[in-house]
Amino acid sequence: MISGTERGQTATLMLRIKPRVADRSGCANLRIVLALMSALSFASALTAITAFRFQMKPSMIVAYFTGLAVLEGVAHVFFLPEGAIPIEATFVLLGITGLFIVTNLVLRRFAPE
């Protein structure tokens, strides 16, 4: 639609653009992936901290991580609102996990028994 004055001094061009309909299945899949990624980062951070503190056996570490991952996954999918935990917090928790894993490996390698 073009509008302007009769004398042609100014003219504006207004386009009518139809909004695109978003694919809702893609949004739902992304929401679930982000929730599970956040849940796994929480579970891995808590597991790494606990394994560092209590010097757990590998089988107990796997069991502890599995239990926490299931609880966190259920909490993120069913109880927490969307966007409650930002993606930045997920990356921070994964960084904390990495630090505790490296620290735990160094202590086990060089600590006197």
N, C-alpha and C. Protein backbone atom coordinates (compact mmCIF):
# COMPACT_ATOMS: atom_id res chain seq x y z
N MET A 1 0.85 -1.16 0.00
CA MET A 1 0.00 0.00 0.00
C MET A 1 0.90 1.23 0.00
N ILE A 2 0.66 2.11 -0.91
CA ILE A 2 1.44 3.34 -1.01
C ILE A 2 0.53 4.50 -0.68
N SER A 3 1.01 5.34 0.22
CA SER A 3 0.22 6.52 0.56
C SER A 3 1.11 7.75 0.44
N GLY A 4 0.55 8.85 0.21
CA GLY A 4 1.31 10.09 0.10
C GLY A 4 0.38 11.26 -0.09
N THR A 5 0.93 12.38 -0.30
CA THR A 5 0.11 13.57 -0.53
C THR A 5 -0.17 13.69 -2.02
N GLU A 6 -1.10 14.51 -2.36
CA GLU A 6 -1.45 14.69 -3.75
C GLU A 6 -0.33 15.37 -4.52
N ARG A 7 0.42 16.20 -3.89
CA ARG A 7 1.47 16.94 -4.57
C ARG A 7 2.75 16.11 -4.71
N GLY A 8 2.80 14.91 -4.10
CA GLY A 8 3.97 14.05 -4.23
C GLY A 8 5.13 14.45 -3.36
N GLN A 9 4.86 15.21 -2.31
CA GLN A 9 5.96 15.65 -1.45
C GLN A 9 6.56 14.49 -0.66
N THR A 10 5.74 13.71 -0.05
CA THR A 10 6.23 12.56 0.72
C THR A 10 5.41 11.34 0.35
N ALA A 11 6.04 10.24 0.41
CA ALA A 11 5.35 8.98 0.14
C ALA A 11 5.91 7.93 1.08
N THR A 12 5.06 7.12 1.59
CA THR A 12 5.50 6.04 2.47
C THR A 12 5.04 4.72 1.88
N LEU A 13 5.83 3.75 2.05
CA LEU A 13 5.52 2.42 1.54
C LEU A 13 5.26 1.51 2.74
N MET A 14 4.07 1.01 2.82
CA MET A 14 3.72 0.12 3.93
C MET A 14 3.44 -1.26 3.33
N LEU A 15 4.21 -2.22 3.77
CA LEU A 15 4.02 -3.58 3.30
C LEU A 15 3.21 -4.37 4.32
N ARG A 16 2.34 -5.14 3.83
CA ARG A 16 1.58 -6.01 4.71
C ARG A 16 2.22 -7.39 4.66
N ILE A 17 2.87 -7.73 5.73
CA ILE A 17 3.58 -9.01 5.80
C ILE A 17 2.80 -9.95 6.70
N LYS A 18 2.54 -11.11 6.19
CA LYS A 18 1.83 -12.11 6.98
C LYS A 18 2.82 -12.78 7.94
N PRO A 19 2.46 -12.91 9.21
CA PRO A 19 3.38 -13.58 10.13
C PRO A 19 3.47 -15.06 9.80
N ARG A 20 4.69 -15.57 9.95
CA ARG A 20 4.88 -16.99 9.70
C ARG A 20 4.34 -17.80 10.87
N VAL A 21 3.72 -18.87 10.56
CA VAL A 21 3.20 -19.75 11.60
C VAL A 21 4.35 -20.65 12.04
N ALA A 22 4.66 -20.60 13.32
CA ALA A 22 5.78 -21.38 13.86
C ALA A 22 5.38 -22.85 13.98
N ASP A 23 6.34 -23.70 13.74
CA ASP A 23 6.12 -25.13 13.89
C ASP A 23 6.17 -25.45 15.38
N ARG A 24 5.05 -25.79 15.94
CA ARG A 24 4.96 -26.00 17.38
C ARG A 24 5.71 -27.24 17.85
N SER A 25 5.85 -28.24 17.01
CA SER A 25 6.56 -29.45 17.43
C SER A 25 8.04 -29.16 17.64
N GLY A 26 8.62 -28.28 16.83
CA GLY A 26 10.02 -27.91 17.00
C GLY A 26 10.25 -27.17 18.31
N CYS A 27 9.32 -26.28 18.67
CA CYS A 27 9.44 -25.54 19.93
C CYS A 27 9.34 -26.48 21.12
N ALA A 28 8.44 -27.44 21.03
CA ALA A 28 8.27 -28.39 22.14
C ALA A 28 9.51 -29.26 22.27
N ASN A 29 10.07 -29.68 21.15
CA ASN A 29 11.28 -30.50 21.21
C ASN A 29 12.45 -29.72 21.79
N LEU A 30 12.58 -28.47 21.41
CA LEU A 30 13.66 -27.64 21.93
C LEU A 30 13.49 -27.41 23.43
N ARG A 31 12.25 -27.21 23.86
CA ARG A 31 11.97 -27.01 25.28
C ARG A 31 12.35 -28.23 26.09
N ILE A 32 12.04 -29.41 25.58
CA ILE A 32 12.38 -30.65 26.28
C ILE A 32 13.88 -30.87 26.30
N VAL A 33 14.55 -30.58 25.19
CA VAL A 33 16.01 -30.74 25.14
C VAL A 33 16.69 -29.80 26.13
N LEU A 34 16.25 -28.55 26.18
CA LEU A 34 16.84 -27.60 27.12
C LEU A 34 16.57 -28.00 28.57
N ALA A 35 15.37 -28.51 28.84
CA ALA A 35 15.05 -28.95 30.20
C ALA A 35 15.90 -30.15 30.60
N LEU A 36 16.06 -31.09 29.70
CA LEU A 36 16.87 -32.27 30.03
C LEU A 36 18.35 -31.92 30.11
N MET A 37 18.81 -30.99 29.28
CA MET A 37 20.20 -30.56 29.36
C MET A 37 20.47 -29.87 30.69
N SER A 38 19.53 -29.05 31.12
CA SER A 38 19.65 -28.39 32.41
C SER A 38 19.62 -29.41 33.55
N ALA A 39 18.74 -30.39 33.45
CA ALA A 39 18.66 -31.43 34.48
C ALA A 39 19.94 -32.24 34.55
N LEU A 40 20.51 -32.59 33.40
CA LEU A 40 21.76 -33.36 33.40
C LEU A 40 22.92 -32.53 33.93
N SER A 41 22.91 -31.22 33.69
CA SER A 41 24.00 -30.40 34.22
C SER A 41 23.89 -30.28 35.74
N PHE A 42 22.67 -30.15 36.27
CA PHE A 42 22.49 -30.14 37.72
C PHE A 42 22.93 -31.47 38.33
N ALA A 43 22.50 -32.57 37.72
CA ALA A 43 22.85 -33.89 38.25
C ALA A 43 24.35 -34.13 38.19
N SER A 44 25.00 -33.72 37.09
CA SER A 44 26.44 -33.95 36.99
C SER A 44 27.21 -33.10 37.98
N ALA A 45 26.78 -31.85 38.20
CA ALA A 45 27.47 -30.99 39.17
C ALA A 45 27.32 -31.55 40.58
N LEU A 46 26.11 -31.92 40.96
CA LEU A 46 25.91 -32.48 42.30
C LEU A 46 26.66 -33.80 42.49
N THR A 47 26.70 -34.61 41.45
CA THR A 47 27.43 -35.88 41.53
C THR A 47 28.92 -35.65 41.66
N ALA A 48 29.46 -34.72 40.88
CA ALA A 48 30.89 -34.44 40.94
C ALA A 48 31.30 -33.89 42.30
N ILE A 49 30.49 -33.00 42.84
CA ILE A 49 30.78 -32.43 44.16
C ILE A 49 30.71 -33.50 45.24
N THR A 50 29.70 -34.35 45.17
CA THR A 50 29.55 -35.41 46.17
C THR A 50 30.66 -36.45 46.04
N ALA A 51 31.02 -36.81 44.83
CA ALA A 51 32.10 -37.77 44.63
C ALA A 51 33.43 -37.20 45.13
N PHE A 52 33.63 -35.91 44.95
CA PHE A 52 34.85 -35.27 45.45
C PHE A 52 34.88 -35.27 46.98
N ARG A 53 33.76 -34.97 47.58
CA ARG A 53 33.70 -34.85 49.03
C ARG A 53 33.82 -36.20 49.73
N PHE A 54 33.13 -37.22 49.22
CA PHE A 54 33.04 -38.49 49.92
C PHE A 54 33.88 -39.61 49.31
N GLN A 55 34.65 -39.32 48.25
CA GLN A 55 35.49 -40.33 47.60
C GLN A 55 34.69 -41.61 47.30
N MET A 56 33.64 -41.46 46.52
CA MET A 56 32.72 -42.56 46.22
C MET A 56 33.33 -43.54 45.22
N LYS A 57 32.83 -44.77 45.26
CA LYS A 57 33.21 -45.79 44.27
C LYS A 57 32.51 -45.48 42.95
N PRO A 58 33.08 -45.96 41.83
CA PRO A 58 32.45 -45.68 40.53
C PRO A 58 31.01 -46.17 40.41
N SER A 59 30.70 -47.33 40.98
CA SER A 59 29.32 -47.84 40.90
C SER A 59 28.36 -46.93 41.66
N MET A 60 28.80 -46.38 42.78
CA MET A 60 27.95 -45.46 43.54
C MET A 60 27.80 -44.13 42.80
N ILE A 61 28.84 -43.72 42.10
CA ILE A 61 28.76 -42.48 41.33
C ILE A 61 27.72 -42.61 40.23
N VAL A 62 27.73 -43.74 39.53
CA VAL A 62 26.75 -43.98 38.46
C VAL A 62 25.34 -44.03 39.02
N ALA A 63 25.17 -44.72 40.14
CA ALA A 63 23.83 -44.82 40.75
C ALA A 63 23.35 -43.44 41.22
N TYR A 64 24.23 -42.68 41.84
CA TYR A 64 23.88 -41.35 42.33
C TYR A 64 23.51 -40.43 41.16
N PHE A 65 24.31 -40.46 40.09
CA PHE A 65 24.02 -39.63 38.93
C PHE A 65 22.69 -40.02 38.28
N THR A 66 22.45 -41.31 38.15
CA THR A 66 21.20 -41.76 37.53
C THR A 66 19.98 -41.30 38.33
N GLY A 67 20.05 -41.46 39.65
CA GLY A 67 18.93 -41.03 40.49
C GLY A 67 18.69 -39.53 40.42
N LEU A 68 19.77 -38.77 40.49
CA LEU A 68 19.62 -37.31 40.41
C LEU A 68 19.14 -36.87 39.04
N ALA A 69 19.62 -37.51 37.98
CA ALA A 69 19.20 -37.14 36.63
C ALA A 69 17.71 -37.39 36.44
N VAL A 70 17.22 -38.50 36.95
CA VAL A 70 15.79 -38.80 36.83
C VAL A 70 14.96 -37.79 37.62
N LEU A 71 15.37 -37.51 38.86
CA LEU A 71 14.63 -36.54 39.67
C LEU A 71 14.65 -35.14 39.06
N GLU A 72 15.81 -34.72 38.61
CA GLU A 72 15.91 -33.39 38.00
C GLU A 72 15.14 -33.32 36.69
N GLY A 73 15.20 -34.39 35.89
CA GLY A 73 14.46 -34.41 34.64
C GLY A 73 12.96 -34.28 34.85
N VAL A 74 12.45 -35.03 35.81
CA VAL A 74 11.02 -34.94 36.12
C VAL A 74 10.66 -33.56 36.64
N ALA A 75 11.51 -33.00 37.50
CA ALA A 75 11.24 -31.65 38.03
C ALA A 75 11.24 -30.61 36.92
N HIS A 76 12.20 -30.69 36.00
CA HIS A 76 12.29 -29.68 34.94
C HIS A 76 11.16 -29.80 33.93
N VAL A 77 10.76 -31.02 33.62
CA VAL A 77 9.72 -31.19 32.60
C VAL A 77 8.33 -30.90 33.16
N PHE A 78 8.06 -31.33 34.39
CA PHE A 78 6.69 -31.25 34.90
C PHE A 78 6.44 -30.13 35.90
N PHE A 79 7.43 -29.68 36.65
CA PHE A 79 7.16 -28.75 37.73
C PHE A 79 7.71 -27.34 37.52
N LEU A 80 8.85 -27.20 36.89
CA LEU A 80 9.42 -25.87 36.71
C LEU A 80 8.83 -25.20 35.47
N PRO A 81 8.56 -23.91 35.55
CA PRO A 81 8.05 -23.22 34.36
C PRO A 81 9.15 -23.09 33.31
N GLU A 82 8.71 -22.90 32.08
CA GLU A 82 9.67 -22.77 30.98
C GLU A 82 10.53 -21.53 31.17
N GLY A 83 11.83 -21.70 31.03
CA GLY A 83 12.76 -20.60 31.18
C GLY A 83 13.15 -20.30 32.61
N ALA A 84 12.79 -21.16 33.56
CA ALA A 84 13.14 -20.92 34.96
C ALA A 84 14.65 -21.00 35.17
N ILE A 85 15.30 -21.93 34.50
CA ILE A 85 16.75 -22.07 34.57
C ILE A 85 17.31 -21.66 33.20
N PRO A 86 18.02 -20.55 33.13
CA PRO A 86 18.55 -20.13 31.83
C PRO A 86 19.67 -21.04 31.34
N ILE A 87 19.91 -21.03 30.06
CA ILE A 87 20.92 -21.90 29.45
C ILE A 87 22.32 -21.54 29.96
N GLU A 88 22.52 -20.29 30.36
CA GLU A 88 23.82 -19.89 30.89
C GLU A 88 24.14 -20.63 32.18
N ALA A 89 23.12 -20.84 33.02
CA ALA A 89 23.32 -21.59 34.26
C ALA A 89 23.73 -23.03 33.96
N THR A 90 23.21 -23.58 32.89
CA THR A 90 23.58 -24.94 32.48
C THR A 90 25.06 -25.01 32.14
N PHE A 91 25.55 -24.04 31.40
CA PHE A 91 26.97 -24.04 31.03
C PHE A 91 27.86 -23.79 32.24
N VAL A 92 27.43 -22.95 33.17
CA VAL A 92 28.20 -22.73 34.40
C VAL A 92 28.29 -24.02 35.20
N LEU A 93 27.17 -24.74 35.31
CA LEU A 93 27.17 -26.01 36.05
C LEU A 93 28.06 -27.05 35.38
N LEU A 94 28.06 -27.08 34.06
CA LEU A 94 28.95 -28.01 33.36
C LEU A 94 30.41 -27.64 33.59
N GLY A 95 30.72 -26.35 33.67
CA GLY A 95 32.07 -25.91 33.99
C GLY A 95 32.48 -26.31 35.40
N ILE A 96 31.57 -26.15 36.34
CA ILE A 96 31.84 -26.58 37.72
C ILE A 96 32.06 -28.08 37.78
N THR A 97 31.29 -28.82 37.02
CA THR A 97 31.46 -30.27 36.97
C THR A 97 32.86 -30.63 36.47
N GLY A 98 33.28 -29.97 35.41
CA GLY A 98 34.61 -30.23 34.87
C GLY A 98 35.71 -29.93 35.87
N LEU A 99 35.57 -28.82 36.59
CA LEU A 99 36.58 -28.48 37.60
C LEU A 99 36.65 -29.53 38.71
N PHE A 100 35.52 -30.01 39.17
CA PHE A 100 35.53 -31.01 40.23
C PHE A 100 36.05 -32.35 39.73
N ILE A 101 35.78 -32.69 38.48
CA ILE A 101 36.30 -33.95 37.93
C ILE A 101 37.81 -33.89 37.83
N VAL A 102 38.34 -32.79 37.30
CA VAL A 102 39.80 -32.64 37.19
C VAL A 102 40.45 -32.66 38.57
N THR A 103 39.86 -31.94 39.52
CA THR A 103 40.41 -31.91 40.88
C THR A 103 40.38 -33.28 41.52
N ASN A 104 39.31 -34.01 41.32
CA ASN A 104 39.20 -35.36 41.88
C ASN A 104 40.24 -36.29 41.26
N LEU A 105 40.46 -36.19 39.96
CA LEU A 105 41.46 -37.04 39.30
C LEU A 105 42.87 -36.70 39.77
N VAL A 106 43.17 -35.42 39.92
CA VAL A 106 44.49 -35.01 40.40
C VAL A 106 44.72 -35.49 41.83
N LEU A 107 43.71 -35.35 42.68
CA LEU A 107 43.87 -35.81 44.06
C LEU A 107 44.06 -37.32 44.15
N ARG A 108 43.33 -38.08 43.36
CA ARG A 108 43.49 -39.53 43.38
C ARG A 108 44.84 -39.94 42.83
N ARG A 109 45.36 -39.17 41.90
CA ARG A 109 46.65 -39.52 41.29
C ARG A 109 47.82 -39.20 42.22
N PHE A 110 47.80 -38.06 42.87
CA PHE A 110 48.96 -37.60 43.62
C PHE A 110 48.81 -37.68 45.15
N ALA A 111 47.66 -38.02 45.65
CA ALA A 111 47.47 -38.08 47.10
C ALA A 111 48.12 -39.34 47.66
N PRO A 112 48.81 -39.22 48.80
CA PRO A 112 49.36 -40.42 49.43
C PRO A 112 48.22 -41.28 49.99
N GLU A 113 48.42 -42.57 49.90
CA GLU A 113 47.35 -43.46 50.36
C GLU A 113 47.52 -43.89 51.76
